Structure formats: C-alpha cells, structure tokens
C-alpha cells in the first residue's frame, strides 16, 4: 500500500508565505532606496561648489534619508529572520557612521 500523500499547505500558510515575500521585497527596495540617497549625497560631495551652505544642507538631508531608509529595511529583514532588534540597530548605526565618515573624507579633498 502506498504511503498517504503529504498534507498540502493550507490557505493560511500560503497567504503567510506570500506576505513574507512581499515584506522581504519591500525591505530590499527600502535598502536600495537608501543606497540611492547615499549616492546622491556623495554626488553633492564631489561637486565643485560642495562647500556652499545649500549643498551641505542637501548632503545632510540625503544622508539622514539614507540612514532612515536603510534602518527601516533592515528592521523588516531582521524581523523576518527572527533576529534580535540589536542587529538592525547596529547595522543602521554603522551605515550612518560610515556614510558621515565617507562624506567627511570627500569634503576635505
């Protein structure tokens, strides 16, 4: 006699998997958007008139937006992976700190 077929996942499990997939895509998009904002800040840092107050204000805003977007994306990814909150907080802090250091290096030259 053949063994019984494995139970098919119910509608709840399928829907939960779909929602996790969408959340993961949104989180990755959020991190990519943060990367785009950082690239914008770096572009301002490489411009010829980078020391004007307007450009410094734009760079500050773009770095803040970048850090917030990366933090939101990492938070969702950490929750999906069931990691502690400390991981996404540390990752976001590292992202922000390294962004500021990189902008500082580019503004000195």
PDB file of N, CA and C in Angstrom:
ATOM      1  N   UNK A   1       0.834  -1.175   0.000  1.00  0.00           N
ATOM      2  CA  UNK A   1       0.000   0.000   0.000  1.00  0.00           C
ATOM      3  C   UNK A   1       0.890   1.254   0.000  1.00  0.00           C
ATOM      4  N   UNK A   2       0.544   2.221  -0.808  1.00  0.00           N
ATOM      5  CA  UNK A   2       1.315   3.456  -0.948  1.00  0.00           C
ATOM      6  C   UNK A   2       1.108   4.346   0.274  1.00  0.00           C
ATOM      7  N   UNK A   3       2.175   5.052   0.668  1.00  0.00           N
ATOM      8  CA  UNK A   3       2.014   5.963   1.808  1.00  0.00           C
ATOM      9  C   UNK A   3       1.077   7.111   1.429  1.00  0.00           C
ATOM     10  N   UNK A   4       0.407   7.686   2.408  1.00  0.00           N
ATOM     11  CA  UNK A   4      -0.501   8.794   2.103  1.00  0.00           C
ATOM     12  C   UNK A   4       0.290  10.001   1.612  1.00  0.00           C
ATOM     13  N   UNK A   5      -0.296  10.775   0.728  1.00  0.00           N
ATOM     14  CA  UNK A   5       0.410  11.959   0.216  1.00  0.00           C
ATOM     15  C   UNK A   5       0.629  12.960   1.357  1.00  0.00           C
ATOM     16  N   UNK A   6       1.715  13.724   1.262  1.00  0.00           N
ATOM     17  CA  UNK A   6       1.968  14.715   2.310  1.00  0.00           C
ATOM     18  C   UNK A   6       0.848  15.765   2.304  1.00  0.00           C
ATOM     19  N   UNK A   7       0.535  16.296   3.472  1.00  0.00           N
ATOM     20  CA  UNK A   7      -0.547  17.283   3.517  1.00  0.00           C
ATOM     21  C   UNK A   7      -0.151  18.552   2.768  1.00  0.00           C
ATOM     22  N   UNK A   8      -1.084  19.054   2.008  1.00  0.00           N
ATOM     23  CA  UNK A   8      -0.842  20.291   1.270  1.00  0.00           C
ATOM     24  C   UNK A   8      -0.953  21.469   2.219  1.00  0.00           C
ATOM     25  N   UNK A   9      -0.159  22.490   1.987  1.00  0.00           N
ATOM     26  CA  UNK A   9      -0.254  23.643   2.879  1.00  0.00           C
ATOM     27  C   UNK A   9      -1.633  24.289   2.741  1.00  0.00           C
ATOM     28  N   UNK A  10      -2.167  24.698   3.857  1.00  0.00           N
ATOM     29  CA  UNK A  10      -3.470  25.337   3.853  1.00  0.00           C
ATOM     30  C   UNK A  10      -3.383  26.751   3.313  1.00  0.00           C
ATOM     31  N   UNK A  11      -4.514  27.329   3.136  1.00  0.00           N
ATOM     32  CA  UNK A  11      -4.570  28.678   2.589  1.00  0.00           C
ATOM     33  C   UNK A  11      -3.884  29.682   3.511  1.00  0.00           C
ATOM     34  N   UNK A  12      -3.969  29.469   4.811  1.00  0.00           N
ATOM     35  CA  UNK A  12      -3.319  30.383   5.756  1.00  0.00           C
ATOM     36  C   UNK A  12      -1.812  30.376   5.590  1.00  0.00           C
ATOM     37  N   UNK A  13      -1.232  29.189   5.423  1.00  0.00           N
ATOM     38  CA  UNK A  13       0.224  29.109   5.274  1.00  0.00           C
ATOM     39  C   UNK A  13       0.682  29.730   3.954  1.00  0.00           C
ATOM     40  N   UNK A  14      -0.092  29.517   2.908  1.00  0.00           N
ATOM     41  CA  UNK A  14       0.260  30.089   1.603  1.00  0.00           C
ATOM     42  C   UNK A  14       0.184  31.606   1.666  1.00  0.00           C
ATOM     43  N   UNK A  15      -0.873  32.115   2.271  1.00  0.00           N
ATOM     44  CA  UNK A  15      -1.041  33.572   2.385  1.00  0.00           C
ATOM     45  C   UNK A  15       0.075  34.173   3.245  1.00  0.00           C
ATOM     46  N   UNK A  16       0.435  33.499   4.328  1.00  0.00           N
ATOM     47  CA  UNK A  16       1.516  33.993   5.183  1.00  0.00           C
ATOM     48  C   UNK A  16       2.835  34.026   4.422  1.00  0.00           C
ATOM     49  N   UNK A  17       3.095  33.013   3.614  1.00  0.00           N
ATOM     50  CA  UNK A  17       4.330  32.987   2.817  1.00  0.00           C
ATOM     51  C   UNK A  17       4.330  34.115   1.783  1.00  0.00           C
ATOM     52  N   UNK A  18       3.180  34.383   1.192  1.00  0.00           N
ATOM     53  CA  UNK A  18       3.089  35.481   0.224  1.00  0.00           C
ATOM     54  C   UNK A  18       3.356  36.822   0.903  1.00  0.00           C
ATOM     55  N   UNK A  19       2.800  37.006   2.082  1.00  0.00           N
ATOM     56  CA  UNK A  19       3.006  38.261   2.798  1.00  0.00           C
ATOM     57  C   UNK A  19       4.463  38.434   3.218  1.00  0.00           C
ATOM     58  N   UNK A  20       5.102  37.344   3.639  1.00  0.00           N
ATOM     59  CA  UNK A  20       6.527  37.428   3.979  1.00  0.00           C
ATOM     60  C   UNK A  20       7.354  37.773   2.750  1.00  0.00           C
ATOM     61  N   UNK A  21       7.007  37.210   1.606  1.00  0.00           N
ATOM     62  CA  UNK A  21       7.723  37.529   0.374  1.00  0.00           C
ATOM     63  C   UNK A  21       7.586  38.984  -0.016  1.00  0.00           C
ATOM     64  N   UNK A  22       6.374  39.517   0.108  1.00  0.00           N
ATOM     65  CA  UNK A  22       6.165  40.938  -0.206  1.00  0.00           C
ATOM     66  C   UNK A  22       6.930  41.829   0.758  1.00  0.00           C
ATOM     67  N   UNK A  23       6.895  41.469   2.029  1.00  0.00           N
ATOM     68  CA  UNK A  23       7.617  42.270   3.026  1.00  0.00           C
ATOM     69  C   UNK A  23       9.115  42.239   2.734  1.00  0.00           C
ATOM     70  N   UNK A  24       9.643  41.096   2.353  1.00  0.00           N
ATOM     71  CA  UNK A  24      11.069  40.989   2.031  1.00  0.00           C
ATOM     72  C   UNK A  24      11.412  41.858   0.819  1.00  0.00           C
ATOM     73  N   UNK A  25      10.563  41.844  -0.206  1.00  0.00           N
ATOM     74  CA  UNK A  25      10.809  42.678  -1.391  1.00  0.00           C
ATOM     75  C   UNK A  25      10.778  44.158  -1.035  1.00  0.00           C
ATOM     76  N   UNK A  26       9.797  44.555  -0.210  1.00  0.00           N
ATOM     77  CA  UNK A  26       9.716  45.947   0.207  1.00  0.00           C
ATOM     78  C   UNK A  26      10.938  46.355   1.017  1.00  0.00           C
ATOM     79  N   UNK A  27      11.419  45.471   1.868  1.00  0.00           N
ATOM     80  CA  UNK A  27      12.585  45.781   2.690  1.00  0.00           C
ATOM     81  C   UNK A  27      13.834  45.941   1.820  1.00  0.00           C
ATOM     82  N   UNK A  28      13.986  45.074   0.847  1.00  0.00           N
ATOM     83  CA  UNK A  28      15.140  45.181  -0.052  1.00  0.00           C
ATOM     84  C   UNK A  28      15.050  46.464  -0.870  1.00  0.00           C
ATOM     85  N   UNK A  29      13.849  46.817  -1.308  1.00  0.00           N
ATOM     86  CA  UNK A  29      13.651  48.069  -2.040  1.00  0.00           C
ATOM     87  C   UNK A  29      13.985  49.259  -1.152  1.00  0.00           C
ATOM     88  N   UNK A  30      13.628  49.195   0.118  1.00  0.00           N
ATOM     89  CA  UNK A  30      13.922  50.256   1.071  1.00  0.00           C
ATOM     90  C   UNK A  30      15.428  50.441   1.226  1.00  0.00           C
ATOM     91  N   UNK A  31      16.168  49.348   1.329  1.00  0.00           N
ATOM     92  CA  UNK A  31      17.623  49.424   1.458  1.00  0.00           C
ATOM     93  C   UNK A  31      18.237  49.986   0.167  1.00  0.00           C
ATOM     94  N   UNK A  32      17.721  49.577  -0.976  1.00  0.00           N
ATOM     95  CA  UNK A  32      18.225  50.117  -2.247  1.00  0.00           C
ATOM     96  C   UNK A  32      17.939  51.608  -2.369  1.00  0.00           C
ATOM     97  N   UNK A  33      16.771  52.044  -1.915  1.00  0.00           N
ATOM     98  CA  UNK A  33      16.454  53.467  -1.935  1.00  0.00           C
ATOM     99  C   UNK A  33      17.405  54.243  -1.028  1.00  0.00           C
ATOM    100  N   UNK A  34      17.741  53.663   0.111  1.00  0.00           N
ATOM    101  CA  UNK A  34      18.735  54.293   0.980  1.00  0.00           C
ATOM    102  C   UNK A  34      20.082  54.408   0.300  1.00  0.00           C
ATOM    103  N   UNK A  35      20.439  53.408  -0.489  1.00  0.00           N
ATOM    104  CA  UNK A  35      21.696  53.460  -1.244  1.00  0.00           C
ATOM    105  C   UNK A  35      21.664  54.571  -2.291  1.00  0.00           C
ATOM    106  N   UNK A  36      20.524  54.747  -2.927  1.00  0.00           N
ATOM    107  CA  UNK A  36      20.387  55.818  -3.931  1.00  0.00           C
ATOM    108  C   UNK A  36      20.530  57.184  -3.270  1.00  0.00           C
ATOM    109  N   UNK A  37      19.924  57.358  -2.083  1.00  0.00           N
ATOM    110  CA  UNK A  37      20.073  58.629  -1.376  1.00  0.00           C
ATOM    111  C   UNK A  37      21.531  58.875  -0.994  1.00  0.00           C
ATOM    112  N   UNK A  38      22.236  57.831  -0.593  1.00  0.00           N
ATOM    113  CA  UNK A  38      23.646  57.990  -0.255  1.00  0.00           C
ATOM    114  C   UNK A  38      24.456  58.372  -1.491  1.00  0.00           C
ATOM    115  N   UNK A  39      24.152  57.776  -2.614  1.00  0.00           N
ATOM    116  CA  UNK A  39      24.844  58.138  -3.858  1.00  0.00           C
ATOM    117  C   UNK A  39      24.585  59.602  -4.203  1.00  0.00           C
ATOM    118  N   UNK A  40      23.368  60.077  -3.964  1.00  0.00           N
ATOM    119  CA  UNK A  40      23.067  61.493  -4.187  1.00  0.00           C
ATOM    120  C   UNK A  40      23.892  62.397  -3.295  1.00  0.00           C
ATOM    121  N   UNK A  41      24.037  62.007  -2.027  1.00  0.00           N
ATOM    122  CA  UNK A  41      24.861  62.802  -1.109  1.00  0.00           C
ATOM    123  C   UNK A  41      26.318  62.798  -1.543  1.00  0.00           C
ATOM    124  N   UNK A  42      26.780  61.652  -2.005  1.00  0.00           N
ATOM    125  CA  UNK A  42      28.166  61.578  -2.490  1.00  0.00           C
ATOM    126  C   UNK A  42      28.363  62.420  -3.743  1.00  0.00           C
ATOM    127  N   UNK A  43      27.342  62.502  -4.580  1.00  0.00           N
ATOM    128  CA  UNK A  43      27.435  63.341  -5.775  1.00  0.00           C
ATOM    129  C   UNK A  43      27.554  64.812  -5.385  1.00  0.00           C
ATOM    130  N   UNK A  44      26.789  65.234  -4.377  1.00  0.00           N
ATOM    131  CA  UNK A  44      26.929  66.608  -3.896  1.00  0.00           C
ATOM    132  C   UNK A  44      28.325  66.835  -3.308  1.00  0.00           C
ATOM    133  N   UNK A  45      28.873  65.833  -2.651  1.00  0.00           N
ATOM    134  CA  UNK A  45      30.201  65.974  -2.048  1.00  0.00           C
ATOM    135  C   UNK A  45      31.298  66.087  -3.096  1.00  0.00           C
ATOM    136  N   UNK A  46      31.051  65.609  -4.298  1.00  0.00           N
ATOM    137  CA  UNK A  46      32.047  65.688  -5.367  1.00  0.00           C
ATOM    138  C   UNK A  46      31.847  66.901  -6.271  1.00  0.00           C
ATOM    139  N   UNK A  47      30.812  67.697  -6.041  1.00  0.00           N
ATOM    140  CA  UNK A  47      30.543  68.845  -6.917  1.00  0.00           C
ATOM    141  C   UNK A  47      31.568  69.955  -6.661  1.00  0.00           C
ATOM    142  N   UNK A  48      31.763  70.820  -7.642  1.00  0.00           N
ATOM    143  CA  UNK A  48      32.763  71.886  -7.483  1.00  0.00           C
ATOM    144  C   UNK A  48      32.430  72.875  -6.351  1.00  0.00           C
ATOM    145  N   UNK A  49      31.157  73.149  -6.132  1.00  0.00           N
ATOM    146  CA  UNK A  49      30.759  74.107  -5.086  1.00  0.00           C
ATOM    147  C   UNK A  49      30.202  73.366  -3.866  1.00  0.00           C
ATOM    148  N   UNK A  50      30.920  72.360  -3.423  1.00  0.00           N
ATOM    149  CA  UNK A  50      30.423  71.482  -2.368  1.00  0.00           C
ATOM    150  C   UNK A  50      30.434  72.129  -0.988  1.00  0.00           C
ATOM    151  N   UNK A  51      31.127  73.229  -0.819  1.00  0.00           N
ATOM    152  CA  UNK A  51      31.225  73.848   0.497  1.00  0.00           C
ATOM    153  C   UNK A  51      30.190  74.938   0.723  1.00  0.00           C
ATOM    154  N   UNK A  52      29.287  75.148  -0.225  1.00  0.00           N
ATOM    155  CA  UNK A  52      28.228  76.133  -0.004  1.00  0.00           C
ATOM    156  C   UNK A  52      27.200  75.565   0.968  1.00  0.00           C
ATOM    157  N   UNK A  53      26.527  76.460   1.667  1.00  0.00           N
ATOM    158  CA  UNK A  53      25.584  76.049   2.701  1.00  0.00           C
ATOM    159  C   UNK A  53      24.431  75.230   2.125  1.00  0.00           C
ATOM    160  N   UNK A  54      23.972  75.566   0.940  1.00  0.00           N
ATOM    161  CA  UNK A  54      22.866  74.831   0.324  1.00  0.00           C
ATOM    162  C   UNK A  54      23.245  73.383   0.051  1.00  0.00           C
ATOM    163  N   UNK A  55      24.426  73.179  -0.490  1.00  0.00           N
ATOM    164  CA  UNK A  55      24.855  71.812  -0.782  1.00  0.00           C
ATOM    165  C   UNK A  55      25.101  71.000   0.488  1.00  0.00           C
ATOM    166  N   UNK A  56      25.625  71.636   1.509  1.00  0.00           N
ATOM    167  CA  UNK A  56      25.832  70.927   2.772  1.00  0.00           C
ATOM    168  C   UNK A  56      24.490  70.537   3.382  1.00  0.00           C
ATOM    169  N   UNK A  57      23.505  71.407   3.257  1.00  0.00           N
ATOM    170  CA  UNK A  57      22.162  71.080   3.749  1.00  0.00           C
ATOM    171  C   UNK A  57      21.576  69.902   2.985  1.00  0.00           C
ATOM    172  N   UNK A  58      21.725  69.903   1.673  1.00  0.00           N
ATOM    173  CA  UNK A  58      21.227  68.775   0.871  1.00  0.00           C
ATOM    174  C   UNK A  58      21.942  67.481   1.224  1.00  0.00           C
ATOM    175  N   UNK A  59      23.254  67.548   1.398  1.00  0.00           N
ATOM    176  CA  UNK A  59      24.008  66.346   1.772  1.00  0.00           C
ATOM    177  C   UNK A  59      23.531  65.802   3.121  1.00  0.00           C
ATOM    178  N   UNK A  60      23.305  66.689   4.066  1.00  0.00           N
ATOM    179  CA  UNK A  60      22.829  66.264   5.383  1.00  0.00           C
ATOM    180  C   UNK A  60      21.472  65.585   5.278  1.00  0.00           C
ATOM    181  N   UNK A  61      20.571  66.203   4.535  1.00  0.00           N
ATOM    182  CA  UNK A  61      19.241  65.612   4.358  1.00  0.00           C
ATOM    183  C   UNK A  61      19.284  64.267   3.662  1.00  0.00           C
ATOM    184  N   UNK A  62      20.113  64.155   2.644  1.00  0.00           N
ATOM    185  CA  UNK A  62      20.209  62.893   1.910  1.00  0.00           C
ATOM    186  C   UNK A  62      20.823  61.790   2.767  1.00  0.00           C
ATOM    187  N   UNK A  63      21.804  62.124   3.584  1.00  0.00           N
ATOM    188  CA  UNK A  63      22.392  61.112   4.464  1.00  0.00           C
ATOM    189  C   UNK A  63      21.378  60.682   5.519  1.00  0.00           C
ATOM    190  N   UNK A  64      20.607  61.620   6.045  1.00  0.00           N
ATOM    191  CA  UNK A  64      19.564  61.257   7.011  1.00  0.00           C
ATOM    192  C   UNK A  64      18.512  60.356   6.375  1.00  0.00           C
ATOM    193  N   UNK A  65      18.047  60.715   5.178  1.00  0.00           N
ATOM    194  CA  UNK A  65      17.072  59.875   4.483  1.00  0.00           C
ATOM    195  C   UNK A  65      17.644  58.495   4.185  1.00  0.00           C
ATOM    196  N   UNK A  66      18.902  58.468   3.800  1.00  0.00           N
ATOM    197  CA  UNK A  66      19.553  57.197   3.516  1.00  0.00           C
ATOM    198  C   UNK A  66      19.587  56.315   4.754  1.00  0.00           C
ATOM    199  N   UNK A  67      19.974  56.886   5.880  1.00  0.00           N
ATOM    200  CA  UNK A  67      20.069  56.109   7.110  1.00  0.00           C
ATOM    201  C   UNK A  67      18.694  55.627   7.569  1.00  0.00           C
ATOM    202  N   UNK A  68      17.695  56.477   7.462  1.00  0.00           N
ATOM    203  CA  UNK A  68      16.338  56.077   7.864  1.00  0.00           C
ATOM    204  C   UNK A  68      15.814  54.957   6.968  1.00  0.00           C
ATOM    205  N   UNK A  69      16.014  55.092   5.668  1.00  0.00           N
ATOM    206  CA  UNK A  69      15.533  54.048   4.753  1.00  0.00           C
ATOM    207  C   UNK A  69      16.237  52.722   4.986  1.00  0.00           C
ATOM    208  N   UNK A  70      17.528  52.765   5.179  1.00  0.00           N
ATOM    209  CA  UNK A  70      18.264  51.532   5.456  1.00  0.00           C
ATOM    210  C   UNK A  70      17.819  50.933   6.785  1.00  0.00           C
ATOM    211  N   UNK A  71      17.587  51.776   7.776  1.00  0.00           N
ATOM    212  CA  UNK A  71      17.135  51.276   9.080  1.00  0.00           C
ATOM    213  C   UNK A  71      15.781  50.589   8.968  1.00  0.00           C
ATOM    214  N   UNK A  72      14.863  51.195   8.226  1.00  0.00           N
ATOM    215  CA  UNK A  72      13.544  50.577   8.066  1.00  0.00           C
ATOM    216  C   UNK A  72      13.637  49.249   7.319  1.00  0.00           C
ATOM    217  N   UNK A  73      14.454  49.208   6.285  1.00  0.00           N
ATOM    218  CA  UNK A  73      14.628  47.958   5.546  1.00  0.00           C
ATOM    219  C   UNK A  73      15.275  46.875   6.382  1.00  0.00           C
ATOM    220  N   UNK A  74      16.319  47.229   7.125  1.00  0.00           N
ATOM    221  CA  UNK A  74      16.994  46.244   7.967  1.00  0.00           C
ATOM    222  C   UNK A  74      16.090  45.758   9.092  1.00  0.00           C
ATOM    223  N   UNK A  75      15.247  46.633   9.585  1.00  0.00           N
ATOM    224  CA  UNK A  75      14.316  46.232  10.653  1.00  0.00           C
ATOM    225  C   UNK A  75      13.371  45.148  10.171  1.00  0.00           C
ATOM    226  N   UNK A  76      12.818  45.337   8.986  1.00  0.00           N
ATOM    227  CA  UNK A  76      11.898  44.334   8.443  1.00  0.00           C
ATOM    228  C   UNK A  76      12.638  43.029   8.159  1.00  0.00           C
ATOM    229  N   UNK A  77      13.827  43.132   7.584  1.00  0.00           N
ATOM    230  CA  UNK A  77      14.599  41.918   7.306  1.00  0.00           C
ATOM    231  C   UNK A  77      14.975  41.179   8.591  1.00  0.00           C
ATOM    232  N   UNK A  78      15.299  41.915   9.643  1.00  0.00           N
ATOM    233  CA  UNK A  78      15.634  41.272  10.911  1.00  0.00           C
ATOM    234  C   UNK A  78      14.408  40.607  11.526  1.00  0.00           C
ATOM    235  N   UNK A  79      13.265  41.239  11.398  1.00  0.00           N
ATOM    236  CA  UNK A  79      12.044  40.630  11.944  1.00  0.00           C
ATOM    237  C   UNK A  79      11.657  39.381  11.162  1.00  0.00           C
ATOM    238  N   UNK A  80      11.847  39.412   9.857  1.00  0.00           N
ATOM    239  CA  UNK A  80      11.539  38.226   9.051  1.00  0.00           C
ATOM    240  C   UNK A  80      12.475  37.070   9.389  1.00  0.00           C
ATOM    241  N   UNK A  81      13.711  37.389   9.695  1.00  0.00           N
ATOM    242  CA  UNK A  81      14.684  36.348  10.040  1.00  0.00           C
ATOM    243  C   UNK A  81      14.637  36.005  11.525  1.00  0.00           C
ATOM    244  N   UNK A  82      13.773  36.672  12.253  1.00  0.00           N
ATOM    245  CA  UNK A  82      13.609  36.470  13.702  1.00  0.00           C
ATOM    246  C   UNK A  82      14.919  36.699  14.454  1.00  0.00           C
ATOM    247  N   UNK A  83      15.554  37.796  14.115  1.00  0.00           N
ATOM    248  CA  UNK A  83      16.777  38.209  14.800  1.00  0.00           C
ATOM    249  C   UNK A  83      16.425  39.238  15.874  1.00  0.00           C
ATOM    250  N   UNK A  84      17.357  39.452  16.766  1.00  0.00           N
ATOM    251  CA  UNK A  84      17.162  40.452  17.807  1.00  0.00           C
ATOM    252  C   UNK A  84      17.160  41.855  17.207  1.00  0.00           C
ATOM    253  N   UNK A  85      16.543  42.772  17.922  1.00  0.00           N
ATOM    254  CA  UNK A  85      16.479  44.161  17.458  1.00  0.00           C
ATOM    255  C   UNK A  85      17.853  44.805  17.412  1.00  0.00           C
ATOM    256  N   UNK A  86      18.783  44.298  18.200  1.00  0.00           N
ATOM    257  CA  UNK A  86      20.118  44.907  18.245  1.00  0.00           C
ATOM    258  C   UNK A  86      20.817  44.837  16.887  1.00  0.00           C
ATOM    259  N   UNK A  87      20.536  43.817  16.099  1.00  0.00           N
ATOM    260  CA  UNK A  87      21.233  43.662  14.820  1.00  0.00           C
ATOM    261  C   UNK A  87      20.885  44.772  13.842  1.00  0.00           C
ATOM    262  N   UNK A  88      19.588  45.078  13.706  1.00  0.00           N
ATOM    263  CA  UNK A  88      19.251  46.117  12.737  1.00  0.00           C
ATOM    264  C   UNK A  88      19.628  47.495  13.267  1.00  0.00           C
ATOM    265  N   UNK A  89      19.606  47.668  14.585  1.00  0.00           N
ATOM    266  CA  UNK A  89      20.021  48.958  15.150  1.00  0.00           C
ATOM    267  C   UNK A  89      21.517  49.165  14.926  1.00  0.00           C
ATOM    268  N   UNK A  90      22.304  48.127  15.194  1.00  0.00           N
ATOM    269  CA  UNK A  90      23.746  48.237  14.965  1.00  0.00           C
ATOM    270  C   UNK A  90      24.077  48.427  13.488  1.00  0.00           C
ATOM    271  N   UNK A  91      23.378  47.710  12.627  1.00  0.00           N
ATOM    272  CA  UNK A  91      23.605  47.871  11.189  1.00  0.00           C
ATOM    273  C   UNK A  91      23.268  49.266  10.706  1.00  0.00           C
ATOM    274  N   UNK A  92      22.176  49.817  11.201  1.00  0.00           N
ATOM    275  CA  UNK A  92      21.781  51.175  10.811  1.00  0.00           C
ATOM    276  C   UNK A  92      22.769  52.213  11.335  1.00  0.00           C
ATOM    277  N   UNK A  93      23.207  52.026  12.573  1.00  0.00           N
ATOM    278  CA  UNK A  93      24.189  52.955  13.139  1.00  0.00           C
ATOM    279  C   UNK A  93      25.503  52.896  12.364  1.00  0.00           C
ATOM    280  N   UNK A  94      25.920  51.699  11.988  1.00  0.00           N
ATOM    281  CA  UNK A  94      27.150  51.556  11.203  1.00  0.00           C
ATOM    282  C   UNK A  94      26.993  52.216   9.838  1.00  0.00           C
ATOM    283  N   UNK A  95      25.831  52.039   9.220  1.00  0.00           N
ATOM    284  CA  UNK A  95      25.568  52.656   7.909  1.00  0.00           C
ATOM    285  C   UNK A  95      25.676  54.182   8.027  1.00  0.00           C
ATOM    286  N   UNK A  96      25.021  54.748   9.022  1.00  0.00           N
ATOM    287  CA  UNK A  96      25.051  56.198   9.197  1.00  0.00           C
ATOM    288  C   UNK A  96      26.449  56.707   9.504  1.00  0.00           C
ATOM    289  N   UNK A  97      27.163  56.022  10.389  1.00  0.00           N
ATOM    290  CA  UNK A  97      28.512  56.460  10.762  1.00  0.00           C
ATOM    291  C   UNK A  97      29.469  56.383   9.573  1.00  0.00           C
ATOM    292  N   UNK A  98      29.415  55.293   8.834  1.00  0.00           N
ATOM    293  CA  UNK A  98      30.301  55.164   7.674  1.00  0.00           C
ATOM    294  C   UNK A  98      29.947  56.174   6.580  1.00  0.00           C
ATOM    295  N   UNK A  99      28.674  56.486   6.450  1.00  0.00           N
ATOM    296  CA  UNK A  99      28.260  57.496   5.471  1.00  0.00           C
ATOM    297  C   UNK A  99      28.832  58.859   5.830  1.00  0.00           C
ATOM    298  N   UNK A 100      28.747  59.213   7.105  1.00  0.00           N
ATOM    299  CA  UNK A 100      29.269  60.506   7.542  1.00  0.00           C
ATOM    300  C   UNK A 100      30.782  60.556   7.390  1.00  0.00           C
ATOM    301  N   UNK A 101      31.466  59.477   7.719  1.00  0.00           N
ATOM    302  CA  UNK A 101      32.922  59.434   7.563  1.00  0.00           C
ATOM    303  C   UNK A 101      33.309  59.585   6.100  1.00  0.00           C
ATOM    304  N   UNK A 102      32.603  58.881   5.228  1.00  0.00           N
ATOM    305  CA  UNK A 102      32.911  58.974   3.795  1.00  0.00           C
ATOM    306  C   UNK A 102      32.666  60.385   3.262  1.00  0.00           C
ATOM    307  N   UNK A 103      31.560  61.003   3.685  1.00  0.00           N
ATOM    308  CA  UNK A 103      31.327  62.387   3.258  1.00  0.00           C
ATOM    309  C   UNK A 103      32.392  63.326   3.809  1.00  0.00           C
ATOM    310  N   UNK A 104      32.819  63.104   5.046  1.00  0.00           N
ATOM    311  CA  UNK A 104      33.873  63.934   5.618  1.00  0.00           C
ATOM    312  C   UNK A 104      35.178  63.822   4.836  1.00  0.00           C
ATOM    313  N   UNK A 105      35.497  62.621   4.433  1.00  0.00           N
ATOM    314  CA  UNK A 105      36.717  62.417   3.628  1.00  0.00           C
ATOM    315  C   UNK A 105      36.598  63.132   2.290  1.00  0.00           C
ATOM    316  N   UNK A 106      35.431  63.017   1.647  1.00  0.00           N
ATOM    317  CA  UNK A 106      35.258  63.656   0.343  1.00  0.00           C
ATOM    318  C   UNK A 106      35.220  65.180   0.447  1.00  0.00           C
ATOM    319  N   UNK A 107      34.719  65.709   1.557  1.00  0.00           N
ATOM    320  CA  UNK A 107      34.658  67.165   1.699  1.00  0.00           C
ATOM    321  C   UNK A 107      36.010  67.777   2.018  1.00  0.00           C
ATOM    322  N   UNK A 108      36.927  67.007   2.581  1.00  0.00           N
ATOM    323  CA  UNK A 108      38.269  67.529   2.887  1.00  0.00           C
ATOM    324  C   UNK A 108      39.122  67.680   1.640  1.00  0.00           C
ATOM    325  N   UNK A 109      38.889  66.840   0.659  1.00  0.00           N
ATOM    326  CA  UNK A 109      39.760  66.880  -0.524  1.00  0.00           C
ATOM    327  C   UNK A 109      39.357  67.931  -1.504  1.00  0.00           C
TER     328      UNK A 109
END
